[in-house]
Amino acid sequence: QQQQQQHTWLLEIPQPADFWCGGEPY
């Protein structure tokens, strides 16, 4: 595993509850 540290597994999840994006004028 130390030789393959770059290989990872990802789990698709819903949008995290603590993240959301607001808007503001440009």
mmCIF file of all heavy atoms, coordinates in Angstrom:
data_MODEL
# 
_entry.id   MODEL 
# 
loop_
_atom_site.group_PDB 
_atom_site.id 
_atom_site.type_symbol 
_atom_site.label_atom_id 
_atom_site.label_alt_id 
_atom_site.label_comp_id 
_atom_site.label_asym_id 
_atom_site.label_entity_id 
_atom_site.label_seq_id 
_atom_site.pdbx_PDB_ins_code 
_atom_site.Cartn_x 
_atom_site.Cartn_y 
_atom_site.Cartn_z 
_atom_site.occupancy 
_atom_site.B_iso_or_equiv 
_atom_site.pdbx_formal_charge 
_atom_site.auth_seq_id 
_atom_site.auth_comp_id 
_atom_site.auth_asym_id 
_atom_site.auth_atom_id 
_atom_site.pdbx_PDB_model_num 
ATOM 1   N N   . GLN A 1 1  ? 0.824   -1.204 0.000   1.00 0.00 ? 1  GLN A N   1 
ATOM 2   C CA  . GLN A 1 1  ? 0.000   0.000  0.000   1.00 0.00 ? 1  GLN A CA  1 
ATOM 3   C C   . GLN A 1 1  ? 0.858   1.254  0.000   1.00 0.00 ? 1  GLN A C   1 
ATOM 4   O O   . GLN A 1 1  ? 0.500   2.263  -0.608  1.00 0.00 ? 1  GLN A O   1 
ATOM 5   C CB  . GLN A 1 1  ? -0.938  0.003  1.208   1.00 0.00 ? 1  GLN A CB  1 
ATOM 6   C CG  . GLN A 1 1  ? -2.074  -0.992 1.076   1.00 0.00 ? 1  GLN A CG  1 
ATOM 7   C CD  . GLN A 1 1  ? -3.064  -0.879 2.203   1.00 0.00 ? 1  GLN A CD  1 
ATOM 8   O OE1 . GLN A 1 1  ? -2.753  -0.289 3.235   1.00 0.00 ? 1  GLN A OE1 1 
ATOM 9   N NE2 . GLN A 1 1  ? -4.224  -1.439 2.025   1.00 0.00 ? 1  GLN A NE2 1 
ATOM 10  N N   . GLN A 1 2  ? 2.008   1.214  0.679   1.00 0.00 ? 2  GLN A N   1 
ATOM 11  C CA  . GLN A 1 2  ? 2.886   2.369  0.682   1.00 0.00 ? 2  GLN A CA  1 
ATOM 12  C C   . GLN A 1 2  ? 3.392   2.659  -0.720  1.00 0.00 ? 2  GLN A C   1 
ATOM 13  O O   . GLN A 1 2  ? 3.643   3.821  -1.074  1.00 0.00 ? 2  GLN A O   1 
ATOM 14  C CB  . GLN A 1 2  ? 4.055   2.134  1.641   1.00 0.00 ? 2  GLN A CB  1 
ATOM 15  C CG  . GLN A 1 2  ? 3.659   2.198  3.106   1.00 0.00 ? 2  GLN A CG  1 
ATOM 16  C CD  . GLN A 1 2  ? 4.806   1.846  4.035   1.00 0.00 ? 2  GLN A CD  1 
ATOM 17  O OE1 . GLN A 1 2  ? 5.916   1.580  3.579   1.00 0.00 ? 2  GLN A OE1 1 
ATOM 18  N NE2 . GLN A 1 2  ? 4.553   1.855  5.325   1.00 0.00 ? 2  GLN A NE2 1 
ATOM 19  N N   . GLN A 1 3  ? 3.540   1.596  -1.538  1.00 0.00 ? 3  GLN A N   1 
ATOM 20  C CA  . GLN A 1 3  ? 3.987   1.782  -2.901  1.00 0.00 ? 3  GLN A CA  1 
ATOM 21  C C   . GLN A 1 3  ? 2.858   2.281  -3.797  1.00 0.00 ? 3  GLN A C   1 
ATOM 22  O O   . GLN A 1 3  ? 3.097   2.721  -4.914  1.00 0.00 ? 3  GLN A O   1 
ATOM 23  C CB  . GLN A 1 3  ? 4.541   0.455  -3.453  1.00 0.00 ? 3  GLN A CB  1 
ATOM 24  C CG  . GLN A 1 3  ? 5.788   -0.022 -2.716  1.00 0.00 ? 3  GLN A CG  1 
ATOM 25  C CD  . GLN A 1 3  ? 6.250   -1.380 -3.236  1.00 0.00 ? 3  GLN A CD  1 
ATOM 26  O OE1 . GLN A 1 3  ? 5.688   -1.925 -4.180  1.00 0.00 ? 3  GLN A OE1 1 
ATOM 27  N NE2 . GLN A 1 3  ? 7.282   -1.914 -2.615  1.00 0.00 ? 3  GLN A NE2 1 
ATOM 28  N N   . GLN A 1 4  ? 1.620   2.161  -3.321  1.00 0.00 ? 4  GLN A N   1 
ATOM 29  C CA  . GLN A 1 4  ? 0.473   2.554  -4.134  1.00 0.00 ? 4  GLN A CA  1 
ATOM 30  C C   . GLN A 1 4  ? -0.341  3.655  -3.448  1.00 0.00 ? 4  GLN A C   1 
ATOM 31  O O   . GLN A 1 4  ? -1.555  3.686  -3.516  1.00 0.00 ? 4  GLN A O   1 
ATOM 32  C CB  . GLN A 1 4  ? -0.417  1.339  -4.396  1.00 0.00 ? 4  GLN A CB  1 
ATOM 33  C CG  . GLN A 1 4  ? 0.280   0.230  -5.146  1.00 0.00 ? 4  GLN A CG  1 
ATOM 34  C CD  . GLN A 1 4  ? -0.629  -0.963 -5.378  1.00 0.00 ? 4  GLN A CD  1 
ATOM 35  O OE1 . GLN A 1 4  ? -1.726  -1.018 -4.863  1.00 0.00 ? 4  GLN A OE1 1 
ATOM 36  N NE2 . GLN A 1 4  ? -0.159  -1.905 -6.161  1.00 0.00 ? 4  GLN A NE2 1 
ATOM 37  N N   . GLN A 1 5  ? 0.364   4.567  -2.782  1.00 0.00 ? 5  GLN A N   1 
ATOM 38  C CA  . GLN A 1 5  ? -0.335  5.607  -2.026  1.00 0.00 ? 5  GLN A CA  1 
ATOM 39  C C   . GLN A 1 5  ? -1.185  6.502  -2.930  1.00 0.00 ? 5  GLN A C   1 
ATOM 40  O O   . GLN A 1 5  ? -2.143  7.114  -2.477  1.00 0.00 ? 5  GLN A O   1 
ATOM 41  C CB  . GLN A 1 5  ? 0.686   6.451  -1.260  1.00 0.00 ? 5  GLN A CB  1 
ATOM 42  C CG  . GLN A 1 5  ? 1.312   5.724  -0.076  1.00 0.00 ? 5  GLN A CG  1 
ATOM 43  C CD  . GLN A 1 5  ? 2.324   6.590  0.649   1.00 0.00 ? 5  GLN A CD  1 
ATOM 44  O OE1 . GLN A 1 5  ? 2.577   7.711  0.248   1.00 0.00 ? 5  GLN A OE1 1 
ATOM 45  N NE2 . GLN A 1 5  ? 2.883   6.067  1.703   1.00 0.00 ? 5  GLN A NE2 1 
ATOM 46  N N   . GLN A 1 6  ? -0.811  6.594  -4.200  1.00 0.00 ? 6  GLN A N   1 
ATOM 47  C CA  . GLN A 1 6  ? -1.544  7.476  -5.094  1.00 0.00 ? 6  GLN A CA  1 
ATOM 48  C C   . GLN A 1 6  ? -2.895  6.889  -5.489  1.00 0.00 ? 6  GLN A C   1 
ATOM 49  O O   . GLN A 1 6  ? -3.782  7.607  -5.923  1.00 0.00 ? 6  GLN A O   1 
ATOM 50  C CB  . GLN A 1 6  ? -0.712  7.758  -6.353  1.00 0.00 ? 6  GLN A CB  1 
ATOM 51  C CG  . GLN A 1 6  ? 0.642   8.396  -6.082  1.00 0.00 ? 6  GLN A CG  1 
ATOM 52  C CD  . GLN A 1 6  ? 0.521   9.772  -5.491  1.00 0.00 ? 6  GLN A CD  1 
ATOM 53  O OE1 . GLN A 1 6  ? 0.281   9.911  -4.291  1.00 0.00 ? 6  GLN A OE1 1 
ATOM 54  N NE2 . GLN A 1 6  ? 0.667   10.791 -6.293  1.00 0.00 ? 6  GLN A NE2 1 
ATOM 55  N N   . HIS A 1 7  ? -3.046  5.563  -5.376  1.00 0.00 ? 7  HIS A N   1 
ATOM 56  C CA  . HIS A 1 7  ? -4.313  4.930  -5.740  1.00 0.00 ? 7  HIS A CA  1 
ATOM 57  C C   . HIS A 1 7  ? -5.312  5.101  -4.603  1.00 0.00 ? 7  HIS A C   1 
ATOM 58  O O   . HIS A 1 7  ? -4.998  4.867  -3.436  1.00 0.00 ? 7  HIS A O   1 
ATOM 59  C CB  . HIS A 1 7  ? -4.109  3.445  -6.032  1.00 0.00 ? 7  HIS A CB  1 
ATOM 60  C CG  . HIS A 1 7  ? -5.369  2.775  -6.472  1.00 0.00 ? 7  HIS A CG  1 
ATOM 61  N ND1 . HIS A 1 7  ? -6.204  2.109  -5.585  1.00 0.00 ? 7  HIS A ND1 1 
ATOM 62  C CD2 . HIS A 1 7  ? -5.963  2.688  -7.683  1.00 0.00 ? 7  HIS A CD2 1 
ATOM 63  C CE1 . HIS A 1 7  ? -7.246  1.639  -6.256  1.00 0.00 ? 7  HIS A CE1 1 
ATOM 64  N NE2 . HIS A 1 7  ? -7.122  1.968  -7.522  1.00 0.00 ? 7  HIS A NE2 1 
ATOM 65  N N   . THR A 1 8  ? -6.517  5.559  -4.934  1.00 0.00 ? 8  THR A N   1 
ATOM 66  C CA  . THR A 1 8  ? -7.536  5.794  -3.916  1.00 0.00 ? 8  THR A CA  1 
ATOM 67  C C   . THR A 1 8  ? -8.878  5.246  -4.393  1.00 0.00 ? 8  THR A C   1 
ATOM 68  O O   . THR A 1 8  ? -9.061  4.929  -5.571  1.00 0.00 ? 8  THR A O   1 
ATOM 69  C CB  . THR A 1 8  ? -7.704  7.302  -3.628  1.00 0.00 ? 8  THR A CB  1 
ATOM 70  O OG1 . THR A 1 8  ? -8.064  7.974  -4.846  1.00 0.00 ? 8  THR A OG1 1 
ATOM 71  C CG2 . THR A 1 8  ? -6.431  7.911  -3.084  1.00 0.00 ? 8  THR A CG2 1 
ATOM 72  N N   . TRP A 1 9  ? -9.804  5.161  -3.448  1.00 0.00 ? 9  TRP A N   1 
ATOM 73  C CA  . TRP A 1 9  ? -11.184 4.784  -3.748  1.00 0.00 ? 9  TRP A CA  1 
ATOM 74  C C   . TRP A 1 9  ? -12.083 5.931  -3.317  1.00 0.00 ? 9  TRP A C   1 
ATOM 75  O O   . TRP A 1 9  ? -11.918 6.498  -2.232  1.00 0.00 ? 9  TRP A O   1 
ATOM 76  C CB  . TRP A 1 9  ? -11.564 3.504  -3.013  1.00 0.00 ? 9  TRP A CB  1 
ATOM 77  C CG  . TRP A 1 9  ? -10.762 2.320  -3.417  1.00 0.00 ? 9  TRP A CG  1 
ATOM 78  C CD1 . TRP A 1 9  ? -9.641  1.829  -2.802  1.00 0.00 ? 9  TRP A CD1 1 
ATOM 79  C CD2 . TRP A 1 9  ? -10.985 1.477  -4.544  1.00 0.00 ? 9  TRP A CD2 1 
ATOM 80  N NE1 . TRP A 1 9  ? -9.171  0.733  -3.472  1.00 0.00 ? 9  TRP A NE1 1 
ATOM 81  C CE2 . TRP A 1 9  ? -9.982  0.483  -4.549  1.00 0.00 ? 9  TRP A CE2 1 
ATOM 82  C CE3 . TRP A 1 9  ? -11.954 1.449  -5.549  1.00 0.00 ? 9  TRP A CE3 1 
ATOM 83  C CZ2 . TRP A 1 9  ? -9.905  -0.500 -5.514  1.00 0.00 ? 9  TRP A CZ2 1 
ATOM 84  C CZ3 . TRP A 1 9  ? -11.890 0.463  -6.520  1.00 0.00 ? 9  TRP A CZ3 1 
ATOM 85  C CH2 . TRP A 1 9  ? -10.874 -0.500 -6.497  1.00 0.00 ? 9  TRP A CH2 1 
ATOM 86  N N   . LEU A 1 10 ? -13.028 6.278  -4.187  1.00 0.00 ? 10 LEU A N   1 
ATOM 87  C CA  . LEU A 1 10 ? -13.936 7.385  -3.907  1.00 0.00 ? 10 LEU A CA  1 
ATOM 88  C C   . LEU A 1 10 ? -15.370 6.879  -3.827  1.00 0.00 ? 10 LEU A C   1 
ATOM 89  O O   . LEU A 1 10 ? -15.808 6.078  -4.663  1.00 0.00 ? 10 LEU A O   1 
ATOM 90  C CB  . LEU A 1 10 ? -13.839 8.460  -4.992  1.00 0.00 ? 10 LEU A CB  1 
ATOM 91  C CG  . LEU A 1 10 ? -12.466 9.083  -5.236  1.00 0.00 ? 10 LEU A CG  1 
ATOM 92  C CD1 . LEU A 1 10 ? -12.553 10.113 -6.354  1.00 0.00 ? 10 LEU A CD1 1 
ATOM 93  C CD2 . LEU A 1 10 ? -11.911 9.709  -3.968  1.00 0.00 ? 10 LEU A CD2 1 
ATOM 94  N N   . LEU A 1 11 ? -16.097 7.385  -2.847  1.00 0.00 ? 11 LEU A N   1 
ATOM 95  C CA  . LEU A 1 11 ? -17.520 7.066  -2.681  1.00 0.00 ? 11 LEU A CA  1 
ATOM 96  C C   . LEU A 1 11 ? -18.335 8.289  -3.061  1.00 0.00 ? 11 LEU A C   1 
ATOM 97  O O   . LEU A 1 11 ? -18.139 9.370  -2.499  1.00 0.00 ? 11 LEU A O   1 
ATOM 98  C CB  . LEU A 1 11 ? -17.811 6.682  -1.230  1.00 0.00 ? 11 LEU A CB  1 
ATOM 99  C CG  . LEU A 1 11 ? -19.291 6.485  -0.866  1.00 0.00 ? 11 LEU A CG  1 
ATOM 100 C CD1 . LEU A 1 11 ? -19.875 5.274  -1.604  1.00 0.00 ? 11 LEU A CD1 1 
ATOM 101 C CD2 . LEU A 1 11 ? -19.452 6.326  0.650   1.00 0.00 ? 11 LEU A CD2 1 
ATOM 102 N N   . GLU A 1 12 ? -19.230 8.125  -4.023  1.00 0.00 ? 12 GLU A N   1 
ATOM 103 C CA  . GLU A 1 12 ? -20.121 9.226  -4.380  1.00 0.00 ? 12 GLU A CA  1 
ATOM 104 C C   . GLU A 1 12 ? -21.123 9.441  -3.252  1.00 0.00 ? 12 GLU A C   1 
ATOM 105 O O   . GLU A 1 12 ? -21.743 8.492  -2.772  1.00 0.00 ? 12 GLU A O   1 
ATOM 106 C CB  . GLU A 1 12 ? -20.853 8.941  -5.683  1.00 0.00 ? 12 GLU A CB  1 
ATOM 107 C CG  . GLU A 1 12 ? -21.714 10.110 -6.140  1.00 0.00 ? 12 GLU A CG  1 
ATOM 108 C CD  . GLU A 1 12 ? -22.399 9.863  -7.470  1.00 0.00 ? 12 GLU A CD  1 
ATOM 109 O OE1 . GLU A 1 12 ? -21.880 9.067  -8.284  1.00 0.00 ? 12 GLU A OE1 1 
ATOM 110 O OE2 . GLU A 1 12 ? -23.467 10.463 -7.696  1.00 0.00 ? 12 GLU A OE2 1 
ATOM 111 N N   . ILE A 1 13 ? -21.270 10.694 -2.814  1.00 0.00 ? 13 ILE A N   1 
ATOM 112 C CA  . ILE A 1 13 ? -22.121 11.030 -1.681  1.00 0.00 ? 13 ILE A CA  1 
ATOM 113 C C   . ILE A 1 13 ? -23.032 12.197 -2.041  1.00 0.00 ? 13 ILE A C   1 
ATOM 114 O O   . ILE A 1 13 ? -22.785 12.908 -3.022  1.00 0.00 ? 13 ILE A O   1 
ATOM 115 C CB  . ILE A 1 13 ? -21.268 11.406 -0.438  1.00 0.00 ? 13 ILE A CB  1 
ATOM 116 C CG1 . ILE A 1 13 ? -20.387 12.621 -0.755  1.00 0.00 ? 13 ILE A CG1 1 
ATOM 117 C CG2 . ILE A 1 13 ? -20.431 10.210 0.025   1.00 0.00 ? 13 ILE A CG2 1 
ATOM 118 C CD1 . ILE A 1 13 ? -19.625 13.173 0.437   1.00 0.00 ? 13 ILE A CD1 1 
ATOM 119 N N   . PRO A 1 14 ? -24.090 12.437 -1.264  1.00 0.00 ? 14 PRO A N   1 
ATOM 120 C CA  . PRO A 1 14 ? -24.879 13.650 -1.464  1.00 0.00 ? 14 PRO A CA  1 
ATOM 121 C C   . PRO A 1 14 ? -24.047 14.884 -1.150  1.00 0.00 ? 14 PRO A C   1 
ATOM 122 O O   . PRO A 1 14 ? -22.979 14.790 -0.531  1.00 0.00 ? 14 PRO A O   1 
ATOM 123 C CB  . PRO A 1 14 ? -26.037 13.494 -0.463  1.00 0.00 ? 14 PRO A CB  1 
ATOM 124 C CG  . PRO A 1 14 ? -26.044 12.050 -0.093  1.00 0.00 ? 14 PRO A CG  1 
ATOM 125 C CD  . PRO A 1 14 ? -24.631 11.578 -0.190  1.00 0.00 ? 14 PRO A CD  1 
ATOM 126 N N   . GLN A 1 15 ? -24.529 16.044 -1.566  1.00 0.00 ? 15 GLN A N   1 
ATOM 127 C CA  . GLN A 1 15 ? -23.823 17.281 -1.222  1.00 0.00 ? 15 GLN A CA  1 
ATOM 128 C C   . GLN A 1 15 ? -23.678 17.370 0.293   1.00 0.00 ? 15 GLN A C   1 
ATOM 129 O O   . GLN A 1 15 ? -24.666 17.231 1.022   1.00 0.00 ? 15 GLN A O   1 
ATOM 130 C CB  . GLN A 1 15 ? -24.601 18.499 -1.729  1.00 0.00 ? 15 GLN A CB  1 
ATOM 131 C CG  . GLN A 1 15 ? -23.945 19.820 -1.381  1.00 0.00 ? 15 GLN A CG  1 
ATOM 132 C CD  . GLN A 1 15 ? -24.644 21.000 -2.031  1.00 0.00 ? 15 GLN A CD  1 
ATOM 133 O OE1 . GLN A 1 15 ? -25.083 20.924 -3.181  1.00 0.00 ? 15 GLN A OE1 1 
ATOM 134 N NE2 . GLN A 1 15 ? -24.764 22.102 -1.305  1.00 0.00 ? 15 GLN A NE2 1 
ATOM 135 N N   . PRO A 1 16 ? -22.460 17.571 0.813   1.00 0.00 ? 16 PRO A N   1 
ATOM 136 C CA  . PRO A 1 16 ? -22.263 17.622 2.261   1.00 0.00 ? 16 PRO A CA  1 
ATOM 137 C C   . PRO A 1 16 ? -23.146 18.676 2.915   1.00 0.00 ? 16 PRO A C   1 
ATOM 138 O O   . PRO A 1 16 ? -23.334 19.777 2.380   1.00 0.00 ? 16 PRO A O   1 
ATOM 139 C CB  . PRO A 1 16 ? -20.778 17.978 2.404   1.00 0.00 ? 16 PRO A CB  1 
ATOM 140 C CG  . PRO A 1 16 ? -20.150 17.432 1.150   1.00 0.00 ? 16 PRO A CG  1 
ATOM 141 C CD  . PRO A 1 16 ? -21.185 17.653 0.077   1.00 0.00 ? 16 PRO A CD  1 
ATOM 142 N N   . ALA A 1 17 ? -23.690 18.335 4.068   1.00 0.00 ? 17 ALA A N   1 
ATOM 143 C CA  . ALA A 1 17 ? -24.644 19.215 4.749   1.00 0.00 ? 17 ALA A CA  1 
ATOM 144 C C   . ALA A 1 17 ? -24.010 20.523 5.192   1.00 0.00 ? 17 ALA A C   1 
ATOM 145 O O   . ALA A 1 17 ? -24.702 21.537 5.323   1.00 0.00 ? 17 ALA A O   1 
ATOM 146 C CB  . ALA A 1 17 ? -25.242 18.489 5.953   1.00 0.00 ? 17 ALA A CB  1 
ATOM 147 N N   . ASP A 1 18 ? -22.690 20.520 5.426   1.00 0.00 ? 18 ASP A N   1 
ATOM 148 C CA  . ASP A 1 18 ? -22.033 21.733 5.914   1.00 0.00 ? 18 ASP A CA  1 
ATOM 149 C C   . ASP A 1 18 ? -21.501 22.607 4.784   1.00 0.00 ? 18 ASP A C   1 
ATOM 150 O O   . ASP A 1 18 ? -20.795 23.580 5.023   1.00 0.00 ? 18 ASP A O   1 
ATOM 151 C CB  . ASP A 1 18 ? -20.899 21.387 6.880   1.00 0.00 ? 18 ASP A CB  1 
ATOM 152 C CG  . ASP A 1 18 ? -19.832 20.507 6.243   1.00 0.00 ? 18 ASP A CG  1 
ATOM 153 O OD1 . ASP A 1 18 ? -20.039 20.062 5.092   1.00 0.00 ? 18 ASP A OD1 1 
ATOM 154 O OD2 . ASP A 1 18 ? -18.796 20.274 6.888   1.00 0.00 ? 18 ASP A OD2 1 
ATOM 155 N N   . PHE A 1 19 ? -21.841 22.254 3.537   1.00 0.00 ? 19 PHE A N   1 
ATOM 156 C CA  . PHE A 1 19 ? -21.412 23.074 2.403   1.00 0.00 ? 19 PHE A CA  1 
ATOM 157 C C   . PHE A 1 19 ? -22.606 23.575 1.617   1.00 0.00 ? 19 PHE A C   1 
ATOM 158 O O   . PHE A 1 19 ? -23.493 22.809 1.253   1.00 0.00 ? 19 PHE A O   1 
ATOM 159 C CB  . PHE A 1 19 ? -20.497 22.282 1.467   1.00 0.00 ? 19 PHE A CB  1 
ATOM 160 C CG  . PHE A 1 19 ? -20.236 23.011 0.175   1.00 0.00 ? 19 PHE A CG  1 
ATOM 161 C CD1 . PHE A 1 19 ? -19.388 24.102 0.131   1.00 0.00 ? 19 PHE A CD1 1 
ATOM 162 C CD2 . PHE A 1 19 ? -20.874 22.616 -0.996  1.00 0.00 ? 19 PHE A CD2 1 
ATOM 163 C CE1 . PHE A 1 19 ? -19.167 24.795 -1.053  1.00 0.00 ? 19 PHE A CE1 1 
ATOM 164 C CE2 . PHE A 1 19 ? -20.658 23.299 -2.193  1.00 0.00 ? 19 PHE A CE2 1 
ATOM 165 C CZ  . PHE A 1 19 ? -19.798 24.389 -2.215  1.00 0.00 ? 19 PHE A CZ  1 
ATOM 166 N N   . TRP A 1 20 ? -22.610 24.852 1.365   1.00 0.00 ? 20 TRP A N   1 
ATOM 167 C CA  . TRP A 1 20 ? -23.564 25.431 0.420   1.00 0.00 ? 20 TRP A CA  1 
ATOM 168 C C   . TRP A 1 20 ? -22.950 26.727 -0.080  1.00 0.00 ? 20 TRP A C   1 
ATOM 169 O O   . TRP A 1 20 ? -22.027 27.281 0.519   1.00 0.00 ? 20 TRP A O   1 
ATOM 170 C CB  . TRP A 1 20 ? -24.935 25.659 1.054   1.00 0.00 ? 20 TRP A CB  1 
ATOM 171 C CG  . TRP A 1 20 ? -25.038 26.773 2.059   1.00 0.00 ? 20 TRP A CG  1 
ATOM 172 C CD1 . TRP A 1 20 ? -25.603 28.008 1.886   1.00 0.00 ? 20 TRP A CD1 1 
ATOM 173 C CD2 . TRP A 1 20 ? -24.576 26.754 3.419   1.00 0.00 ? 20 TRP A CD2 1 
ATOM 174 N NE1 . TRP A 1 20 ? -25.525 28.747 3.032   1.00 0.00 ? 20 TRP A NE1 1 
ATOM 175 C CE2 . TRP A 1 20 ? -24.901 28.008 3.991   1.00 0.00 ? 20 TRP A CE2 1 
ATOM 176 C CE3 . TRP A 1 20 ? -23.919 25.810 4.192   1.00 0.00 ? 20 TRP A CE3 1 
ATOM 177 C CZ2 . TRP A 1 20 ? -24.583 28.333 5.294   1.00 0.00 ? 20 TRP A CZ2 1 
ATOM 178 C CZ3 . TRP A 1 20 ? -23.600 26.128 5.498   1.00 0.00 ? 20 TRP A CZ3 1 
ATOM 179 C CH2 . TRP A 1 20 ? -23.936 27.379 6.039   1.00 0.00 ? 20 TRP A CH2 1 
ATOM 180 N N   . CYS A 1 21 ? -23.439 27.197 -1.199  1.00 0.00 ? 21 CYS A N   1 
ATOM 181 C CA  . CYS A 1 21 ? -22.855 28.367 -1.846  1.00 0.00 ? 21 CYS A CA  1 
ATOM 182 C C   . CYS A 1 21 ? -23.899 29.458 -1.969  1.00 0.00 ? 21 CYS A C   1 
ATOM 183 O O   . CYS A 1 21 ? -24.959 29.250 -2.552  1.00 0.00 ? 21 CYS A O   1 
ATOM 184 C CB  . CYS A 1 21 ? -22.312 27.984 -3.219  1.00 0.00 ? 21 CYS A CB  1 
ATOM 185 S SG  . CYS A 1 21 ? -21.385 29.302 -4.044  1.00 0.00 ? 21 CYS A SG  1 
ATOM 186 N N   . GLY A 1 22 ? -23.605 30.605 -1.388  1.00 0.00 ? 22 GLY A N   1 
ATOM 187 C CA  . GLY A 1 22 ? -24.483 31.764 -1.508  1.00 0.00 ? 22 GLY A CA  1 
ATOM 188 C C   . GLY A 1 22 ? -24.090 32.602 -2.718  1.00 0.00 ? 22 GLY A C   1 
ATOM 189 O O   . GLY A 1 22 ? -23.141 32.297 -3.436  1.00 0.00 ? 22 GLY A O   1 
ATOM 190 N N   . GLY A 1 23 ? -24.828 33.660 -2.957  1.00 0.00 ? 23 GLY A N   1 
ATOM 191 C CA  . GLY A 1 23 ? -24.541 34.548 -4.079  1.00 0.00 ? 23 GLY A CA  1 
ATOM 192 C C   . GLY A 1 23 ? -24.340 35.975 -3.622  1.00 0.00 ? 23 GLY A C   1 
ATOM 193 O O   . GLY A 1 23 ? -24.874 36.390 -2.591  1.00 0.00 ? 23 GLY A O   1 
ATOM 194 N N   . GLU A 1 24 ? -23.545 36.719 -4.385  1.00 0.00 ? 24 GLU A N   1 
ATOM 195 C CA  . GLU A 1 24 ? -23.393 38.144 -4.125  1.00 0.00 ? 24 GLU A CA  1 
ATOM 196 C C   . GLU A 1 24 ? -23.108 38.860 -5.433  1.00 0.00 ? 24 GLU A C   1 
ATOM 197 O O   . GLU A 1 24 ? -22.665 38.232 -6.404  1.00 0.00 ? 24 GLU A O   1 
ATOM 198 C CB  . GLU A 1 24 ? -22.308 38.432 -3.092  1.00 0.00 ? 24 GLU A CB  1 
ATOM 199 C CG  . GLU A 1 24 ? -20.929 37.890 -3.385  1.00 0.00 ? 24 GLU A CG  1 
ATOM 200 C CD  . GLU A 1 24 ? -19.977 38.241 -2.240  1.00 0.00 ? 24 GLU A CD  1 
ATOM 201 O OE1 . GLU A 1 24 ? -19.675 39.429 -2.059  1.00 0.00 ? 24 GLU A OE1 1 
ATOM 202 O OE2 . GLU A 1 24 ? -19.533 37.304 -1.542  1.00 0.00 ? 24 GLU A OE2 1 
ATOM 203 N N   . PRO A 1 25 ? -23.393 40.157 -5.517  1.00 0.00 ? 25 PRO A N   1 
ATOM 204 C CA  . PRO A 1 25 ? -23.257 40.879 -6.776  1.00 0.00 ? 25 PRO A CA  1 
ATOM 205 C C   . PRO A 1 25 ? -21.806 40.950 -7.243  1.00 0.00 ? 25 PRO A C   1 
ATOM 206 O O   . PRO A 1 25 ? -20.881 41.071 -6.436  1.00 0.00 ? 25 PRO A O   1 
ATOM 207 C CB  . PRO A 1 25 ? -23.793 42.279 -6.458  1.00 0.00 ? 25 PRO A CB  1 
ATOM 208 C CG  . PRO A 1 25 ? -24.601 42.111 -5.203  1.00 0.00 ? 25 PRO A CG  1 
ATOM 209 C CD  . PRO A 1 25 ? -23.972 41.000 -4.446  1.00 0.00 ? 25 PRO A CD  1 
ATOM 210 N N   . TYR A 1 26 ? -21.630 40.901 -8.550  1.00 0.00 ? 26 TYR A N   1 
ATOM 211 C CA  . TYR A 1 26 ? -20.315 41.086 -9.158  1.00 0.00 ? 26 TYR A CA  1 
ATOM 212 C C   . TYR A 1 26 ? -20.080 42.587 -9.357  1.00 0.00 ? 26 TYR A C   1 
ATOM 213 O O   . TYR A 1 26 ? -20.863 43.263 -10.030 1.00 0.00 ? 26 TYR A O   1 
ATOM 214 C CB  . TYR A 1 26 ? -20.277 40.347 -10.497 1.00 0.00 ? 26 TYR A CB  1 
ATOM 215 C CG  . TYR A 1 26 ? -19.153 40.764 -11.402 1.00 0.00 ? 26 TYR A CG  1 
ATOM 216 C CD1 . TYR A 1 26 ? -17.822 40.540 -11.065 1.00 0.00 ? 26 TYR A CD1 1 
ATOM 217 C CD2 . TYR A 1 26 ? -19.416 41.380 -12.644 1.00 0.00 ? 26 TYR A CD2 1 
ATOM 218 C CE1 . TYR A 1 26 ? -16.792 40.918 -11.903 1.00 0.00 ? 26 TYR A CE1 1 
ATOM 219 C CE2 . TYR A 1 26 ? -18.399 41.746 -13.492 1.00 0.00 ? 26 TYR A CE2 1 
ATOM 220 C CZ  . TYR A 1 26 ? -17.081 41.525 -13.127 1.00 0.00 ? 26 TYR A CZ  1 
ATOM 221 O OH  . TYR A 1 26 ? -16.060 41.904 -13.970 1.00 0.00 ? 26 TYR A OH  1 
# 
